[in-house]
């Protein structure tokens, strides 16, 4: 009984980092349980800049609302686990309309083999999605790695020991967040965590859409690191390199002439805990996509060159205030070639 209960508690923190205070609806001594969890956040982005907007926002204006809510239930019965999570979010991505939509974010069943190993099957995060921003301390995250994210028809295996972590997932007929097919997707990660330094590396490969969309084959490598200099000061690194095939021509409904584009991104960040409730977060960022470069053979000459050229750089400084462990108030300002001047959020978790 003790072992199964310990596993249930450990997995609860792994499945939803923001659900540490999940409401217990049902719990047995043998570890069987049902928990309700959620999040409510109000806030958004200020001074969104059309000159530096890549694919962050559906529109560029003085304020883009990014309020968000999540409600989920998760549980365990013997060694079987499950999770259903609903998100109420803005369609703020490029090509969206900024309106709210209700979507199923996760829906899976899984099985716990022992204290260290488990699997998930269904609609869930791909393995690398859990650590694609590892080492980035900013609240809203900075450089976008571009990995697969949540996918339907996914099988994921993960393991966690005292310091060592690793996982791998396979998604059948994966899709971009805009719904375009991307082919089968495989990704994984391996990492080492300790009180002083933690490192996680991840890889991803996708099979491509074979003419059904502009997304062809892809290979991605990412690396994240956190170093705790003192109990109050931490430094972080997050970066990726990607080779992505994109179609540069289309005939009717068929995409043709796939060219390989190389993309890079790096975030250096730092965190200083002023008190138990206040922390300062700073970052410096560099992002470079070959498709932005007018000298690239695959540049789309039907579009004007980006204001920032073939790369963009920006920095940020922000504050997080936690009046309680399940409440966070965050504000951050950005300078340089940033797609926004600032963002601010108030979020509560249960």
C-alpha atoms as a PDB file:
ATOM      1  CA  UNK A   1       0.000   0.000   0.000  1.00  0.00           C
ATOM      2  CA  UNK A   2       2.765   2.416   0.890  1.00  0.00           C
ATOM      3  CA  UNK A   3       4.552   1.820  -2.420  1.00  0.00           C
ATOM      4  CA  UNK A   4       1.421   2.390  -4.535  1.00  0.00           C
ATOM      5  CA  UNK A   5       0.484   5.520  -2.614  1.00  0.00           C
ATOM      6  CA  UNK A   6       3.996   6.919  -3.058  1.00  0.00           C
ATOM      7  CA  UNK A   7       3.835   6.262  -6.787  1.00  0.00           C
ATOM      8  CA  UNK A   8       0.447   7.979  -7.012  1.00  0.00           C
ATOM      9  CA  UNK A   9       1.752  11.092  -5.262  1.00  0.00           C
ATOM     10  CA  UNK A  10       4.906  11.192  -7.386  1.00  0.00           C
ATOM     11  CA  UNK A  11       3.031  10.778 -10.640  1.00  0.00           C
ATOM     12  CA  UNK A  12       0.492  13.416  -9.653  1.00  0.00           C
ATOM     13  CA  UNK A  13       3.266  16.005  -9.561  1.00  0.00           C
ATOM     14  CA  UNK A  14       4.678  14.758 -12.850  1.00  0.00           C
ATOM     15  CA  UNK A  15       1.392  14.757 -14.750  1.00  0.00           C
ATOM     16  CA  UNK A  16       0.519  18.357 -13.925  1.00  0.00           C
ATOM     17  CA  UNK A  17       3.112  20.642 -12.413  1.00  0.00           C
ATOM     18  CA  UNK A  18       0.460  23.289 -11.793  1.00  0.00           C
ATOM     19  CA  UNK A  19      -1.831  20.858 -10.004  1.00  0.00           C
ATOM     20  CA  UNK A  20       0.164  20.431  -6.820  1.00  0.00           C
ATOM     21  CA  UNK A  21      -2.904  21.379  -4.794  1.00  0.00           C
ATOM     22  CA  UNK A  22      -5.371  19.250  -6.756  1.00  0.00           C
ATOM     23  CA  UNK A  23      -8.656  18.602  -4.949  1.00  0.00           C
ATOM     24  CA  UNK A  24      -8.986  15.005  -3.841  1.00  0.00           C
ATOM     25  CA  UNK A  25     -12.407  13.638  -4.782  1.00  0.00           C
ATOM     26  CA  UNK A  26     -11.685  10.039  -3.917  1.00  0.00           C
ATOM     27  CA  UNK A  27      -8.705   8.310  -2.325  1.00  0.00           C
ATOM     28  CA  UNK A  28      -8.128   4.821  -0.947  1.00  0.00           C
ATOM     29  CA  UNK A  29      -5.352   3.398   1.202  1.00  0.00           C
ATOM     30  CA  UNK A  30      -4.221   1.186  -1.685  1.00  0.00           C
ATOM     31  CA  UNK A  31      -3.445   4.248  -3.835  1.00  0.00           C
ATOM     32  CA  UNK A  32      -6.632   4.391  -5.933  1.00  0.00           C
ATOM     33  CA  UNK A  33      -7.639   8.042  -6.334  1.00  0.00           C
ATOM     34  CA  UNK A  34      -9.487  10.695  -8.300  1.00  0.00           C
ATOM     35  CA  UNK A  35      -8.265  14.312  -8.304  1.00  0.00           C
ATOM     36  CA  UNK A  36      -9.723  17.492  -9.746  1.00  0.00           C
ATOM     37  CA  UNK A  37      -7.337  20.271 -10.754  1.00  0.00           C
ATOM     38  CA  UNK A  38      -7.392  23.486 -12.715  1.00  0.00           C
ATOM     39  CA  UNK A  39      -6.040  26.916 -13.504  1.00  0.00           C
ATOM     40  CA  UNK A  40      -7.543  30.335 -14.151  1.00  0.00           C
ATOM     41  CA  UNK A  41      -5.408  33.099 -15.661  1.00  0.00           C
ATOM     42  CA  UNK A  42      -6.225  36.627 -16.761  1.00  0.00           C
ATOM     43  CA  UNK A  43      -3.758  38.776 -18.659  1.00  0.00           C
ATOM     44  CA  UNK A  44      -2.076  39.258 -21.992  1.00  0.00           C
ATOM     45  CA  UNK A  45       0.450  41.026 -24.188  1.00  0.00           C
ATOM     46  CA  UNK A  46       1.032  44.786 -24.466  1.00  0.00           C
ATOM     47  CA  UNK A  47       2.412  46.729 -27.410  1.00  0.00           C
ATOM     48  CA  UNK A  48       2.557  43.844 -29.885  1.00  0.00           C
ATOM     49  CA  UNK A  49       4.826  44.923 -32.738  1.00  0.00           C
ATOM     50  CA  UNK A  50       4.042  44.097 -36.376  1.00  0.00           C
ATOM     51  CA  UNK A  51       7.693  44.610 -37.354  1.00  0.00           C
ATOM     52  CA  UNK A  52       8.874  41.787 -35.104  1.00  0.00           C
ATOM     53  CA  UNK A  53       5.871  39.445 -35.053  1.00  0.00           C
ATOM     54  CA  UNK A  54       6.830  36.033 -36.483  1.00  0.00           C
ATOM     55  CA  UNK A  55       3.995  33.680 -35.530  1.00  0.00           C
ATOM     56  CA  UNK A  56       3.246  34.737 -31.952  1.00  0.00           C
ATOM     57  CA  UNK A  57       0.003  36.702 -32.408  1.00  0.00           C
ATOM     58  CA  UNK A  58      -3.016  36.644 -34.685  1.00  0.00           C
ATOM     59  CA  UNK A  59      -2.929  40.461 -34.732  1.00  0.00           C
ATOM     60  CA  UNK A  60      -0.627  43.281 -33.686  1.00  0.00           C
ATOM     61  CA  UNK A  61      -2.208  45.989 -31.562  1.00  0.00           C
ATOM     62  CA  UNK A  62      -1.906  47.699 -28.202  1.00  0.00           C
ATOM     63  CA  UNK A  63      -3.208  44.757 -26.170  1.00  0.00           C
ATOM     64  CA  UNK A  64      -3.795  41.102 -27.054  1.00  0.00           C
ATOM     65  CA  UNK A  65      -5.799  39.291 -24.403  1.00  0.00           C
ATOM     66  CA  UNK A  66      -4.413  35.857 -23.526  1.00  0.00           C
ATOM     67  CA  UNK A  67      -6.704  34.819 -20.681  1.00  0.00           C
ATOM     68  CA  UNK A  68      -6.746  31.103 -20.118  1.00  0.00           C
ATOM     69  CA  UNK A  69      -8.495  28.418 -18.070  1.00  0.00           C
ATOM     70  CA  UNK A  70      -7.932  24.705 -17.530  1.00  0.00           C
ATOM     71  CA  UNK A  71     -10.082  22.099 -15.821  1.00  0.00           C
ATOM     72  CA  UNK A  72      -9.003  18.489 -15.523  1.00  0.00           C
ATOM     73  CA  UNK A  73      -9.516  15.235 -13.726  1.00  0.00           C
ATOM     74  CA  UNK A  74      -6.944  12.506 -13.225  1.00  0.00           C
ATOM     75  CA  UNK A  75      -6.928   9.310 -11.317  1.00  0.00           C
ATOM     76  CA  UNK A  76      -5.553   5.869 -10.641  1.00  0.00           C
ATOM     77  CA  UNK A  77      -7.237   2.472 -10.325  1.00  0.00           C
ATOM     78  CA  UNK A  78      -4.853  -0.319  -9.389  1.00  0.00           C
ATOM     79  CA  UNK A  79      -1.913   0.250 -11.769  1.00  0.00           C
ATOM     80  CA  UNK A  80      -4.004   2.005 -14.416  1.00  0.00           C
ATOM     81  CA  UNK A  81      -4.015   5.795 -14.669  1.00  0.00           C
ATOM     82  CA  UNK A  82      -6.062   8.278 -16.697  1.00  0.00           C
ATOM     83  CA  UNK A  83      -6.408  11.980 -17.361  1.00  0.00           C
ATOM     84  CA  UNK A  84      -8.931  14.264 -19.064  1.00  0.00           C
ATOM     85  CA  UNK A  85      -8.107  17.969 -19.409  1.00  0.00           C
ATOM     86  CA  UNK A  86     -10.099  20.783 -21.026  1.00  0.00           C
ATOM     87  CA  UNK A  87      -8.586  24.146 -22.017  1.00  0.00           C
ATOM     88  CA  UNK A  88     -10.456  27.391 -22.632  1.00  0.00           C
ATOM     89  CA  UNK A  89      -8.016  29.525 -24.597  1.00  0.00           C
ATOM     90  CA  UNK A  90      -7.625  32.333 -27.101  1.00  0.00           C
ATOM     91  CA  UNK A  91      -6.875  31.493 -30.738  1.00  0.00           C
ATOM     92  CA  UNK A  92      -4.018  33.999 -30.684  1.00  0.00           C
ATOM     93  CA  UNK A  93      -1.571  32.261 -33.013  1.00  0.00           C
ATOM     94  CA  UNK A  94      -0.841  33.591 -36.492  1.00  0.00           C
ATOM     95  CA  UNK A  95      -3.804  32.643 -38.690  1.00  0.00           C
ATOM     96  CA  UNK A  96      -6.194  32.556 -35.725  1.00  0.00           C
ATOM     97  CA  UNK A  97      -8.913  35.067 -34.915  1.00  0.00           C
ATOM     98  CA  UNK A  98      -8.272  35.860 -31.251  1.00  0.00           C
ATOM     99  CA  UNK A  99     -11.551  34.337 -30.077  1.00  0.00           C
ATOM    100  CA  UNK A 100     -11.990  31.845 -27.256  1.00  0.00           C
ATOM    101  CA  UNK A 101     -12.233  28.136 -27.968  1.00  0.00           C
ATOM    102  CA  UNK A 102     -12.875  25.132 -25.747  1.00  0.00           C
ATOM    103  CA  UNK A 103     -10.623  22.208 -26.591  1.00  0.00           C
ATOM    104  CA  UNK A 104      -9.648  18.826 -25.189  1.00  0.00           C
ATOM    105  CA  UNK A 105      -5.969  19.236 -24.371  1.00  0.00           C
ATOM    106  CA  UNK A 106      -5.314  15.770 -22.934  1.00  0.00           C
ATOM    107  CA  UNK A 107      -7.211  12.512 -22.905  1.00  0.00           C
ATOM    108  CA  UNK A 108      -5.268   9.365 -22.171  1.00  0.00           C
ATOM    109  CA  UNK A 109      -5.036   6.166 -20.189  1.00  0.00           C
ATOM    110  CA  UNK A 110      -1.804   4.699 -18.915  1.00  0.00           C
ATOM    111  CA  UNK A 111      -0.186   1.984 -16.874  1.00  0.00           C
ATOM    112  CA  UNK A 112       2.333   2.151 -13.994  1.00  0.00           C
ATOM    113  CA  UNK A 113       4.868  -0.676 -14.188  1.00  0.00           C
ATOM    114  CA  UNK A 114       6.663   0.164 -10.940  1.00  0.00           C
ATOM    115  CA  UNK A 115       7.946   3.115  -8.948  1.00  0.00           C
ATOM    116  CA  UNK A 116      10.048   4.356 -11.872  1.00  0.00           C
ATOM    117  CA  UNK A 117       8.337   3.453 -15.158  1.00  0.00           C
ATOM    118  CA  UNK A 118       4.961   4.201 -16.762  1.00  0.00           C
ATOM    119  CA  UNK A 119       3.274   4.647 -20.147  1.00  0.00           C
ATOM    120  CA  UNK A 120       0.492   6.860 -21.544  1.00  0.00           C
ATOM    121  CA  UNK A 121      -1.700   6.205 -24.594  1.00  0.00           C
ATOM    122  CA  UNK A 122      -4.023   8.682 -26.342  1.00  0.00           C
ATOM    123  CA  UNK A 123      -4.003  12.475 -26.616  1.00  0.00           C
ATOM    124  CA  UNK A 124      -1.076  13.678 -24.525  1.00  0.00           C
ATOM    125  CA  UNK A 125       2.160  15.666 -24.556  1.00  0.00           C
ATOM    126  CA  UNK A 126       4.857  14.203 -26.730  1.00  0.00           C
ATOM    127  CA  UNK A 127       7.880  13.308 -24.633  1.00  0.00           C
ATOM    128  CA  UNK A 128      10.123  16.278 -25.502  1.00  0.00           C
ATOM    129  CA  UNK A 129       7.233  18.721 -25.034  1.00  0.00           C
ATOM    130  CA  UNK A 130       7.610  18.392 -21.267  1.00  0.00           C
ATOM    131  CA  UNK A 131      11.190  19.727 -21.349  1.00  0.00           C
ATOM    132  CA  UNK A 132      11.422  21.870 -24.505  1.00  0.00           C
ATOM    133  CA  UNK A 133      11.738  25.042 -22.370  1.00  0.00           C
ATOM    134  CA  UNK A 134      13.928  23.563 -19.648  1.00  0.00           C
ATOM    135  CA  UNK A 135      16.399  26.240 -18.565  1.00  0.00           C
ATOM    136  CA  UNK A 136      14.092  29.141 -19.527  1.00  0.00           C
ATOM    137  CA  UNK A 137      12.996  30.844 -16.290  1.00  0.00           C
ATOM    138  CA  UNK A 138      10.712  33.431 -17.925  1.00  0.00           C
ATOM    139  CA  UNK A 139       7.033  33.029 -17.068  1.00  0.00           C
ATOM    140  CA  UNK A 140       5.738  33.336 -20.622  1.00  0.00           C
ATOM    141  CA  UNK A 141       8.711  31.479 -22.174  1.00  0.00           C
ATOM    142  CA  UNK A 142      10.894  33.035 -24.835  1.00  0.00           C
ATOM    143  CA  UNK A 143      12.413  31.250 -27.844  1.00  0.00           C
ATOM    144  CA  UNK A 144      10.001  28.680 -29.289  1.00  0.00           C
ATOM    145  CA  UNK A 145      11.602  25.283 -29.835  1.00  0.00           C
ATOM    146  CA  UNK A 146       8.947  24.213 -32.337  1.00  0.00           C
ATOM    147  CA  UNK A 147       8.580  20.596 -31.187  1.00  0.00           C
ATOM    148  CA  UNK A 148       5.375  18.651 -31.750  1.00  0.00           C
ATOM    149  CA  UNK A 149       3.514  19.530 -28.540  1.00  0.00           C
ATOM    150  CA  UNK A 150       0.308  17.631 -27.737  1.00  0.00           C
ATOM    151  CA  UNK A 151      -0.625  14.971 -30.270  1.00  0.00           C
ATOM    152  CA  UNK A 152      -3.421  12.462 -30.722  1.00  0.00           C
ATOM    153  CA  UNK A 153      -2.666   8.761 -31.275  1.00  0.00           C
ATOM    154  CA  UNK A 154       0.427   8.957 -29.075  1.00  0.00           C
ATOM    155  CA  UNK A 155       2.227   6.226 -27.158  1.00  0.00           C
ATOM    156  CA  UNK A 156       4.632   7.584 -24.544  1.00  0.00           C
ATOM    157  CA  UNK A 157       6.986   5.818 -22.166  1.00  0.00           C
ATOM    158  CA  UNK A 158       8.752   7.652 -19.340  1.00  0.00           C
ATOM    159  CA  UNK A 159      11.051   6.838 -16.444  1.00  0.00           C
ATOM    160  CA  UNK A 160      12.186   8.791 -13.402  1.00  0.00           C
ATOM    161  CA  UNK A 161      14.853   7.885 -10.852  1.00  0.00           C
ATOM    162  CA  UNK A 162      16.573   9.913  -8.135  1.00  0.00           C
ATOM    163  CA  UNK A 163      18.578  11.927 -10.664  1.00  0.00           C
ATOM    164  CA  UNK A 164      18.105  10.276 -14.065  1.00  0.00           C
ATOM    165  CA  UNK A 165      15.033  10.916 -16.244  1.00  0.00           C
ATOM    166  CA  UNK A 166      14.219   9.798 -19.786  1.00  0.00           C
ATOM    167  CA  UNK A 167      11.280   9.246 -22.083  1.00  0.00           C
ATOM    168  CA  UNK A 168      10.237   8.582 -25.669  1.00  0.00           C
ATOM    169  CA  UNK A 169       6.994   8.939 -27.630  1.00  0.00           C
ATOM    170  CA  UNK A 170       5.555   7.983 -31.008  1.00  0.00           C
ATOM    171  CA  UNK A 171       2.634   9.843 -32.598  1.00  0.00           C
ATOM    172  CA  UNK A 172       0.782   8.400 -35.587  1.00  0.00           C
ATOM    173  CA  UNK A 173      -0.118  10.932 -38.299  1.00  0.00           C
ATOM    174  CA  UNK A 174       0.835  13.998 -36.278  1.00  0.00           C
ATOM    175  CA  UNK A 175      -0.532  17.466 -36.956  1.00  0.00           C
ATOM    176  CA  UNK A 176       0.668  21.044 -36.692  1.00  0.00           C
ATOM    177  CA  UNK A 177      -1.226  23.273 -34.247  1.00  0.00           C
ATOM    178  CA  UNK A 178      -3.045  24.735 -37.269  1.00  0.00           C
ATOM    179  CA  UNK A 179      -4.318  21.261 -38.205  1.00  0.00           C
ATOM    180  CA  UNK A 180      -1.978  20.613 -41.149  1.00  0.00           C
ATOM    181  CA  UNK A 181      -0.598  17.041 -41.396  1.00  0.00           C
ATOM    182  CA  UNK A 182       3.060  16.470 -40.515  1.00  0.00           C
ATOM    183  CA  UNK A 183       3.404  12.695 -40.716  1.00  0.00           C
ATOM    184  CA  UNK A 184       4.457  10.326 -37.955  1.00  0.00           C
ATOM    185  CA  UNK A 185       6.447  11.970 -35.150  1.00  0.00           C
ATOM    186  CA  UNK A 186       9.012  10.430 -32.797  1.00  0.00           C
ATOM    187  CA  UNK A 187      10.732  12.347 -30.031  1.00  0.00           C
ATOM    188  CA  UNK A 188      12.410  11.762 -26.713  1.00  0.00           C
ATOM    189  CA  UNK A 189      14.579  13.199 -23.961  1.00  0.00           C
ATOM    190  CA  UNK A 190      17.180  12.213 -21.404  1.00  0.00           C
ATOM    191  CA  UNK A 191      18.317  14.234 -18.444  1.00  0.00           C
ATOM    192  CA  UNK A 192      20.095  14.443 -15.119  1.00  0.00           C
ATOM    193  CA  UNK A 193      18.730  16.513 -12.243  1.00  0.00           C
ATOM    194  CA  UNK A 194      20.463  17.526  -9.036  1.00  0.00           C
ATOM    195  CA  UNK A 195      20.335  20.352  -6.506  1.00  0.00           C
ATOM    196  CA  UNK A 196      23.264  22.152  -8.178  1.00  0.00           C
ATOM    197  CA  UNK A 197      23.029  21.464 -11.930  1.00  0.00           C
ATOM    198  CA  UNK A 198      20.355  19.870 -14.129  1.00  0.00           C
ATOM    199  CA  UNK A 199      20.611  19.085 -17.846  1.00  0.00           C
ATOM    200  CA  UNK A 200      17.998  17.745 -20.281  1.00  0.00           C
ATOM    201  CA  UNK A 201      18.584  16.983 -23.978  1.00  0.00           C
ATOM    202  CA  UNK A 202      15.818  16.177 -26.446  1.00  0.00           C
ATOM    203  CA  UNK A 203      15.474  15.081 -30.072  1.00  0.00           C
ATOM    204  CA  UNK A 204      12.592  14.886 -32.537  1.00  0.00           C
ATOM    205  CA  UNK A 205      12.044  13.557 -36.049  1.00  0.00           C
ATOM    206  CA  UNK A 206       8.927  13.655 -38.185  1.00  0.00           C
ATOM    207  CA  UNK A 207       8.108  11.777 -41.368  1.00  0.00           C
ATOM    208  CA  UNK A 208       6.561  14.650 -43.305  1.00  0.00           C
ATOM    209  CA  UNK A 209       3.255  15.092 -45.085  1.00  0.00           C
ATOM    210  CA  UNK A 210       4.203  13.815 -48.583  1.00  0.00           C
ATOM    211  CA  UNK A 211       2.561  16.665 -50.460  1.00  0.00           C
ATOM    212  CA  UNK A 212      -0.530  16.993 -48.245  1.00  0.00           C
ATOM    213  CA  UNK A 213       0.793  20.124 -46.493  1.00  0.00           C
ATOM    214  CA  UNK A 214       3.830  22.378 -46.590  1.00  0.00           C
ATOM    215  CA  UNK A 215       5.449  20.443 -43.715  1.00  0.00           C
ATOM    216  CA  UNK A 216       8.002  17.871 -44.825  1.00  0.00           C
ATOM    217  CA  UNK A 217      10.545  15.900 -42.846  1.00  0.00           C
ATOM    218  CA  UNK A 218      12.195  17.436 -39.796  1.00  0.00           C
ATOM    219  CA  UNK A 219      15.023  16.776 -37.348  1.00  0.00           C
ATOM    220  CA  UNK A 220      15.308  18.758 -34.125  1.00  0.00           C
ATOM    221  CA  UNK A 221      17.791  18.801 -31.243  1.00  0.00           C
ATOM    222  CA  UNK A 222      17.274  20.777 -28.047  1.00  0.00           C
ATOM    223  CA  UNK A 223      19.262  21.278 -24.857  1.00  0.00           C
ATOM    224  CA  UNK A 224      18.322  22.869 -21.535  1.00  0.00           C
ATOM    225  CA  UNK A 225      20.387  23.491 -18.412  1.00  0.00           C
ATOM    226  CA  UNK A 226      19.836  24.977 -14.974  1.00  0.00           C
ATOM    227  CA  UNK A 227      22.636  25.873 -12.575  1.00  0.00           C
ATOM    228  CA  UNK A 228      21.869  26.958  -8.996  1.00  0.00           C
ATOM    229  CA  UNK A 229      24.753  29.248  -8.041  1.00  0.00           C
ATOM    230  CA  UNK A 230      23.351  29.822  -4.555  1.00  0.00           C
ATOM    231  CA  UNK A 231      20.055  29.074  -2.876  1.00  0.00           C
ATOM    232  CA  UNK A 232      18.757  32.408  -4.257  1.00  0.00           C
ATOM    233  CA  UNK A 233      20.444  32.677  -7.680  1.00  0.00           C
ATOM    234  CA  UNK A 234      19.988  30.366 -10.671  1.00  0.00           C
ATOM    235  CA  UNK A 235      21.146  30.597 -14.289  1.00  0.00           C
ATOM    236  CA  UNK A 236      19.543  28.872 -17.239  1.00  0.00           C
ATOM    237  CA  UNK A 237      20.304  27.956 -20.844  1.00  0.00           C
ATOM    238  CA  UNK A 238      17.865  26.730 -23.473  1.00  0.00           C
ATOM    239  CA  UNK A 239      18.621  26.232 -27.157  1.00  0.00           C
ATOM    240  CA  UNK A 240      17.660  24.294 -30.252  1.00  0.00           C
ATOM    241  CA  UNK A 241      18.811  23.567 -33.806  1.00  0.00           C
ATOM    242  CA  UNK A 242      16.399  22.311 -36.431  1.00  0.00           C
ATOM    243  CA  UNK A 243      16.463  21.147 -40.039  1.00  0.00           C
ATOM    244  CA  UNK A 244      12.940  21.419 -41.433  1.00  0.00           C
ATOM    245  CA  UNK A 245      11.747  20.637 -44.958  1.00  0.00           C
ATOM    246  CA  UNK A 246       9.105  23.070 -46.195  1.00  0.00           C
ATOM    247  CA  UNK A 247       7.335  23.151 -49.567  1.00  0.00           C
ATOM    248  CA  UNK A 248       8.083  26.258 -51.624  1.00  0.00           C
ATOM    249  CA  UNK A 249       5.633  25.529 -54.455  1.00  0.00           C
ATOM    250  CA  UNK A 250       2.058  24.306 -54.739  1.00  0.00           C
ATOM    251  CA  UNK A 251       0.129  22.889 -57.697  1.00  0.00           C
ATOM    252  CA  UNK A 252      -3.589  22.712 -57.001  1.00  0.00           C
ATOM    253  CA  UNK A 253      -3.879  20.978 -53.634  1.00  0.00           C
ATOM    254  CA  UNK A 254      -0.459  19.304 -53.868  1.00  0.00           C
ATOM    255  CA  UNK A 255       2.614  20.796 -52.184  1.00  0.00           C
ATOM    256  CA  UNK A 256       5.865  20.490 -54.109  1.00  0.00           C
ATOM    257  CA  UNK A 257       9.580  21.349 -54.111  1.00  0.00           C
ATOM    258  CA  UNK A 258      10.512  20.789 -50.475  1.00  0.00           C
ATOM    259  CA  UNK A 259      13.597  22.707 -49.370  1.00  0.00           C
ATOM    260  CA  UNK A 260      15.527  22.175 -46.119  1.00  0.00           C
ATOM    261  CA  UNK A 261      15.624  25.196 -43.818  1.00  0.00           C
ATOM    262  CA  UNK A 262      17.962  25.379 -40.818  1.00  0.00           C
ATOM    263  CA  UNK A 263      16.681  27.176 -37.709  1.00  0.00           C
ATOM    264  CA  UNK A 264      18.382  28.138 -34.428  1.00  0.00           C
ATOM    265  CA  UNK A 265      17.285  29.589 -31.118  1.00  0.00           C
ATOM    266  CA  UNK A 266      18.984  30.369 -27.774  1.00  0.00           C
ATOM    267  CA  UNK A 267      17.738  31.762 -24.465  1.00  0.00           C
ATOM    268  CA  UNK A 268      19.989  32.724 -21.561  1.00  0.00           C
ATOM    269  CA  UNK A 269      18.028  33.459 -18.408  1.00  0.00           C
ATOM    270  CA  UNK A 270      18.550  34.104 -14.747  1.00  0.00           C
ATOM    271  CA  UNK A 271      16.430  34.082 -11.602  1.00  0.00           C
ATOM    272  CA  UNK A 272      17.026  35.825  -8.285  1.00  0.00           C
ATOM    273  CA  UNK A 273      14.793  35.117  -5.284  1.00  0.00           C
ATOM    274  CA  UNK A 274      14.425  38.372  -3.402  1.00  0.00           C
ATOM    275  CA  UNK A 275      12.188  36.766  -0.778  1.00  0.00           C
ATOM    276  CA  UNK A 276      10.033  33.661  -0.534  1.00  0.00           C
ATOM    277  CA  UNK A 277       7.353  35.555  -2.482  1.00  0.00           C
ATOM    278  CA  UNK A 278       9.303  37.802  -4.873  1.00  0.00           C
ATOM    279  CA  UNK A 279      11.684  36.865  -7.681  1.00  0.00           C
ATOM    280  CA  UNK A 280      13.401  38.748 -10.516  1.00  0.00           C
ATOM    281  CA  UNK A 281      13.666  37.084 -13.931  1.00  0.00           C
ATOM    282  CA  UNK A 282      15.884  38.276 -16.783  1.00  0.00           C
ATOM    283  CA  UNK A 283      16.670  36.835 -20.209  1.00  0.00           C
ATOM    284  CA  UNK A 284      18.620  37.424 -23.428  1.00  0.00           C
ATOM    285  CA  UNK A 285      17.379  35.762 -26.619  1.00  0.00           C
ATOM    286  CA  UNK A 286      18.501  35.036 -30.173  1.00  0.00           C
ATOM    287  CA  UNK A 287      16.350  33.434 -32.863  1.00  0.00           C
ATOM    288  CA  UNK A 288      17.276  32.720 -36.491  1.00  0.00           C
ATOM    289  CA  UNK A 289      15.182  31.078 -39.227  1.00  0.00           C
ATOM    290  CA  UNK A 290      16.627  30.481 -42.685  1.00  0.00           C
ATOM    291  CA  UNK A 291      13.271  31.310 -44.274  1.00  0.00           C
ATOM    292  CA  UNK A 292      13.758  34.914 -43.045  1.00  0.00           C
ATOM    293  CA  UNK A 293      16.991  35.304 -45.019  1.00  0.00           C
ATOM    294  CA  UNK A 294      16.558  36.952 -48.444  1.00  0.00           C
ATOM    295  CA  UNK A 295      19.752  35.182 -49.570  1.00  0.00           C
ATOM    296  CA  UNK A 296      18.236  31.756 -48.848  1.00  0.00           C
ATOM    297  CA  UNK A 297      17.241  29.801 -52.001  1.00  0.00           C
ATOM    298  CA  UNK A 298      13.876  29.052 -50.390  1.00  0.00           C
ATOM    299  CA  UNK A 299      12.957  32.641 -49.507  1.00  0.00           C
ATOM    300  CA  UNK A 300       9.382  33.518 -50.421  1.00  0.00           C
ATOM    301  CA  UNK A 301       9.738  36.574 -52.653  1.00  0.00           C
ATOM    302  CA  UNK A 302       5.986  37.149 -52.637  1.00  0.00           C
ATOM    303  CA  UNK A 303       6.514  38.449 -49.078  1.00  0.00           C
ATOM    304  CA  UNK A 304       8.452  41.517 -47.980  1.00  0.00           C
ATOM    305  CA  UNK A 305      11.673  40.804 -46.048  1.00  0.00           C
ATOM    306  CA  UNK A 306      11.257  40.768 -42.292  1.00  0.00           C
ATOM    307  CA  UNK A 307      12.158  44.003 -40.497  1.00  0.00           C
ATOM    308  CA  UNK A 308      14.657  42.123 -38.325  1.00  0.00           C
ATOM    309  CA  UNK A 309      16.398  40.448 -41.295  1.00  0.00           C
ATOM    310  CA  UNK A 310      17.569  36.857 -40.948  1.00  0.00           C
ATOM    311  CA  UNK A 311      17.608  36.877 -37.137  1.00  0.00           C
ATOM    312  CA  UNK A 312      16.178  38.766 -34.182  1.00  0.00           C
ATOM    313  CA  UNK A 313      17.469  39.482 -30.679  1.00  0.00           C
ATOM    314  CA  UNK A 314      15.753  40.790 -27.592  1.00  0.00           C
ATOM    315  CA  UNK A 315      16.070  40.929 -23.814  1.00  0.00           C
ATOM    316  CA  UNK A 316      13.598  40.932 -20.951  1.00  0.00           C
ATOM    317  CA  UNK A 317      13.287  41.832 -17.292  1.00  0.00           C
ATOM    318  CA  UNK A 318      10.373  40.831 -15.106  1.00  0.00           C
ATOM    319  CA  UNK A 319       9.024  40.165 -11.627  1.00  0.00           C
ATOM    320  CA  UNK A 320       7.016  37.264 -10.238  1.00  0.00           C
ATOM    321  CA  UNK A 321       5.063  37.643  -7.002  1.00  0.00           C
ATOM    322  CA  UNK A 322       3.603  34.625  -5.225  1.00  0.00           C
ATOM    323  CA  UNK A 323       1.329  35.662  -2.339  1.00  0.00           C
ATOM    324  CA  UNK A 324       0.585  31.946  -1.946  1.00  0.00           C
ATOM    325  CA  UNK A 325       2.102  28.842  -3.502  1.00  0.00           C
ATOM    326  CA  UNK A 326      -0.874  28.438  -5.849  1.00  0.00           C
ATOM    327  CA  UNK A 327      -1.094  32.107  -6.953  1.00  0.00           C
ATOM    328  CA  UNK A 328       1.340  33.940  -9.229  1.00  0.00           C
ATOM    329  CA  UNK A 329       1.326  37.544 -10.448  1.00  0.00           C
ATOM    330  CA  UNK A 330       3.807  38.129 -13.248  1.00  0.00           C
ATOM    331  CA  UNK A 331       4.888  41.153 -15.301  1.00  0.00           C
ATOM    332  CA  UNK A 332       7.736  41.394 -17.811  1.00  0.00           C
ATOM    333  CA  UNK A 333       9.096  44.086 -20.108  1.00  0.00           C
ATOM    334  CA  UNK A 334      10.991  43.391 -23.325  1.00  0.00           C
ATOM    335  CA  UNK A 335      13.437  45.451 -25.385  1.00  0.00           C
ATOM    336  CA  UNK A 336      15.045  44.919 -28.776  1.00  0.00           C
ATOM    337  CA  UNK A 337      13.473  42.972 -31.647  1.00  0.00           C
ATOM    338  CA  UNK A 338      10.764  41.509 -29.418  1.00  0.00           C
ATOM    339  CA  UNK A 339       7.257  40.808 -30.727  1.00  0.00           C
ATOM    340  CA  UNK A 340       5.764  42.630 -27.723  1.00  0.00           C
ATOM    341  CA  UNK A 341       6.717  45.407 -25.320  1.00  0.00           C
ATOM    342  CA  UNK A 342       5.437  43.643 -22.181  1.00  0.00           C
ATOM    343  CA  UNK A 343       3.080  41.045 -20.779  1.00  0.00           C
ATOM    344  CA  UNK A 344       1.274  40.689 -17.460  1.00  0.00           C
ATOM    345  CA  UNK A 345      -0.661  37.788 -15.929  1.00  0.00           C
ATOM    346  CA  UNK A 346      -2.484  36.834 -12.773  1.00  0.00           C
ATOM    347  CA  UNK A 347      -2.943  33.074 -12.412  1.00  0.00           C
ATOM    348  CA  UNK A 348      -4.410  30.844  -9.743  1.00  0.00           C
ATOM    349  CA  UNK A 349      -4.082  27.061  -9.590  1.00  0.00           C
ATOM    350  CA  UNK A 350      -5.848  24.324  -7.683  1.00  0.00           C
END
